Amino acid sequence: MEEEKKEPQSATPETNANLTPADLAALKAELEEERKANAAAEAALAERDKRIAELQASISVVQQAAETASAELAQVKDAHAKAISKYLEVVKAANPTIPANVITGATIDEIDASAAKALSIATAVKANLEAQAKQVKVPAGAPPRGEISPEGMSPRDKIAAGIQQKGGTT
């Protein structure tokens, strides 16, 4: 809506007296249009203020929800960290043959991978030790008795050893 700007007329009795009824009707119509435009602008401002208030209330609700979600997230992270720690302890306890400091990790997958790797290393070491033990053959039972060597014995020990071999006692 384009409005033509008209210079305001001063309200003096001389100018009002020179106005024709058509001029008066036009001025009244213009005044009425201005009032309607003013009322529409005030309504738009009121609507805008109402919308701003609604948006501010929505922002407040969203901020509260974000704070609540943030607090819940912190609790979940704390519970997760505790669960991971307990899981690590359980895995270490379930594998007593593996040194505890070998099993590590910050997630369940990392702990599982660490435990699997440590278990494979322990299995390989055990197999290696068993293979080495099989290579060394130890006869069953006590070894046969051999003769006592008289080297390094005192004369008295030599006499005692000779008596024992003959079946005597010392």
Protein backbone atom coordinates (compact mmCIF):
# COMPACT_ATOMS: atom_id res chain seq x y z
CA MET A 1 0.00 0.00 0.00
CA GLU A 2 1.61 3.20 -1.14
CA GLU A 3 0.62 6.31 0.59
CA GLU A 4 1.15 9.75 -0.71
CA LYS A 5 2.72 12.09 1.74
CA LYS A 6 0.74 15.20 2.15
CA GLU A 7 1.83 18.19 4.03
CA PRO A 8 -0.12 18.57 7.23
CA GLN A 9 -2.53 21.41 7.18
CA SER A 10 -2.62 23.70 10.13
CA ALA A 11 -5.84 23.71 12.05
CA THR A 12 -6.73 27.33 11.90
CA PRO A 13 -10.27 28.56 11.56
CA GLU A 14 -9.41 30.33 8.32
CA THR A 15 -8.22 27.14 6.55
CA ASN A 16 -11.04 25.02 7.93
CA ALA A 17 -13.53 27.55 6.65
CA ASN A 18 -12.12 27.32 3.14
CA LEU A 19 -12.50 23.50 3.02
CA THR A 20 -15.26 22.11 0.93
CA PRO A 21 -17.41 19.22 2.03
CA ALA A 22 -15.55 16.98 -0.45
CA ASP A 23 -12.22 18.03 1.11
CA LEU A 24 -13.60 17.31 4.55
CA ALA A 25 -14.84 13.89 3.45
CA ALA A 26 -11.43 13.12 1.93
CA LEU A 27 -9.68 14.22 5.12
CA LYS A 28 -12.04 12.11 7.22
CA ALA A 29 -11.41 9.09 4.95
CA GLU A 30 -7.66 9.69 5.15
CA LEU A 31 -7.88 9.98 8.95
CA GLU A 32 -9.89 6.78 9.12
CA GLU A 33 -7.34 4.98 6.94
CA GLU A 34 -4.54 6.22 9.18
CA ARG A 35 -6.42 5.00 12.25
CA LYS A 36 -6.97 1.59 10.66
CA ALA A 37 -3.30 1.39 9.64
CA ASN A 38 -2.29 2.43 13.14
CA ALA A 39 -4.61 -0.18 14.67
CA ALA A 40 -3.27 -2.84 12.30
CA ALA A 41 0.32 -1.90 13.19
CA GLU A 42 -0.50 -2.04 16.91
CA ALA A 43 -2.15 -5.45 16.43
CA ALA A 44 0.89 -6.68 14.51
CA LEU A 45 3.17 -5.39 17.28
CA ALA A 46 1.01 -7.08 19.92
CA GLU A 47 1.08 -10.32 17.91
CA ARG A 48 4.86 -10.02 17.54
CA ASP A 49 5.27 -9.44 21.29
CA LYS A 50 3.04 -12.42 21.99
CA ARG A 51 5.12 -14.60 19.63
CA ILE A 52 8.36 -13.38 21.23
CA ALA A 53 7.01 -14.33 24.65
CA GLU A 54 6.03 -17.78 23.34
CA LEU A 55 9.46 -18.29 21.81
CA GLN A 56 11.18 -17.18 25.01
CA ALA A 57 9.05 -19.66 26.96
CA SER A 58 9.97 -22.36 24.45
CA ILE A 59 13.65 -21.48 24.77
CA SER A 60 13.36 -21.74 28.54
CA VAL A 61 11.77 -25.19 28.25
CA VAL A 62 14.42 -26.34 25.79
CA GLN A 63 17.20 -25.04 28.03
CA GLN A 64 15.77 -26.92 31.00
CA ALA A 65 15.46 -30.07 28.89
CA ALA A 66 19.06 -29.66 27.72
CA GLU A 67 20.27 -29.26 31.31
CA THR A 68 18.33 -32.36 32.35
CA ALA A 69 19.69 -34.32 29.39
CA SER A 70 23.20 -33.15 30.21
CA ALA A 71 22.84 -34.31 33.82
CA GLU A 72 21.45 -37.66 32.67
CA LEU A 73 24.29 -38.03 30.18
CA ALA A 74 26.82 -37.40 32.94
CA GLN A 75 25.15 -40.09 35.06
CA VAL A 76 25.14 -42.54 32.16
CA LYS A 77 28.82 -41.85 31.44
CA ASP A 78 29.67 -42.42 35.11
CA ALA A 79 27.69 -45.67 35.19
CA HIS A 80 29.36 -46.76 31.94
CA ALA A 81 32.83 -46.10 33.36
CA LYS A 82 31.98 -48.09 36.51
CA ALA A 83 30.60 -50.96 34.43
CA ILE A 84 33.74 -51.07 32.28
CA SER A 85 35.91 -51.06 35.40
CA LYS A 86 33.94 -53.92 36.95
CA TYR A 87 34.02 -55.85 33.69
CA LEU A 88 37.80 -55.47 33.60
CA GLU A 89 38.03 -56.82 37.16
CA VAL A 90 35.80 -59.79 36.27
CA VAL A 91 37.86 -60.64 33.18
CA LYS A 92 41.06 -60.49 35.23
CA ALA A 93 39.52 -62.72 37.91
CA ALA A 94 38.26 -65.17 35.27
CA ASN A 95 41.79 -65.56 33.88
CA PRO A 96 44.01 -66.20 36.91
CA THR A 97 46.80 -67.70 34.79
CA ILE A 98 47.29 -64.39 32.99
CA PRO A 99 49.07 -61.57 34.84
CA ALA A 100 46.52 -58.87 35.76
CA ASN A 101 48.54 -56.02 34.28
CA VAL A 102 48.46 -57.64 30.83
CA ILE A 103 44.68 -57.34 30.47
CA THR A 104 43.80 -53.68 29.83
CA GLY A 105 41.30 -51.55 27.91
CA ALA A 106 38.89 -48.64 28.11
CA THR A 107 35.99 -50.38 26.35
CA ILE A 108 34.52 -53.85 26.46
CA ASP A 109 35.89 -54.61 22.98
CA GLU A 110 39.39 -53.47 23.98
CA ILE A 111 39.27 -55.57 27.16
CA ASP A 112 38.06 -58.62 25.22
CA ALA A 113 40.79 -58.16 22.60
CA SER A 114 43.43 -57.73 25.31
CA ALA A 115 42.24 -60.85 27.15
CA ALA A 116 42.17 -62.89 23.93
CA LYS A 117 45.69 -61.78 23.04
CA ALA A 118 46.97 -62.52 26.56
CA LEU A 119 45.26 -65.92 26.53
CA SER A 120 46.81 -66.81 23.17
CA ILE A 121 50.25 -65.79 24.48
CA ALA A 122 49.75 -67.85 27.65
CA THR A 123 48.63 -70.85 25.60
CA ALA A 124 51.68 -70.53 23.34
CA VAL A 125 54.03 -70.30 26.34
CA LYS A 126 52.37 -73.31 27.98
CA ALA A 127 52.69 -75.36 24.79
CA ASN A 128 56.34 -74.33 24.47
CA LEU A 129 57.09 -75.33 28.07
CA GLU A 130 55.32 -78.68 27.60
CA ALA A 131 57.35 -79.33 24.45
CA GLN A 132 60.56 -78.54 26.32
CA ALA A 133 59.51 -80.81 29.19
CA LYS A 134 58.92 -83.69 26.77
CA GLN A 135 62.39 -83.29 25.31
CA VAL A 136 64.07 -83.81 28.68
CA LYS A 137 63.60 -87.46 29.65
CA VAL A 138 63.77 -88.26 33.29
CA PRO A 139 63.77 -91.98 34.13
CA ALA A 140 61.03 -93.19 36.37
CA GLY A 141 61.98 -94.15 39.88
CA ALA A 142 65.24 -93.64 41.75
CA PRO A 143 68.51 -93.78 39.85
CA PRO A 144 70.66 -96.90 40.36
CA ARG A 145 73.24 -96.70 43.10
CA GLY A 146 76.76 -96.45 42.00
CA GLU A 147 79.91 -97.12 43.90
CA ILE A 148 81.14 -94.51 46.24
CA SER A 149 84.27 -92.85 44.97
CA PRO A 150 87.02 -92.79 47.60
CA GLU A 151 88.56 -89.68 46.12
CA GLY A 152 88.58 -86.78 48.52
CA MET A 153 87.66 -88.94 51.53
CA SER A 154 89.54 -88.97 54.75
CA PRO A 155 91.07 -92.29 55.85
CA ARG A 156 88.41 -92.68 58.50
CA ASP A 157 85.59 -92.14 55.86
CA LYS A 158 87.29 -94.70 53.58
CA ILE A 159 87.27 -97.32 56.35
CA ALA A 160 83.58 -96.61 57.13
CA ALA A 161 82.61 -96.90 53.46
CA GLY A 162 84.46 -100.21 53.16
CA ILE A 163 82.68 -101.66 56.23
CA GLN A 164 79.27 -100.61 54.87
CA GLN A 165 79.89 -102.32 51.55
CA LYS A 166 80.68 -105.57 53.31
CA GLY A 167 77.42 -105.41 55.23
CA GLY A 168 78.67 -104.16 58.51
CA THR A 169 77.55 -101.17 60.54
CA THR A 170 79.48 -98.21 61.59
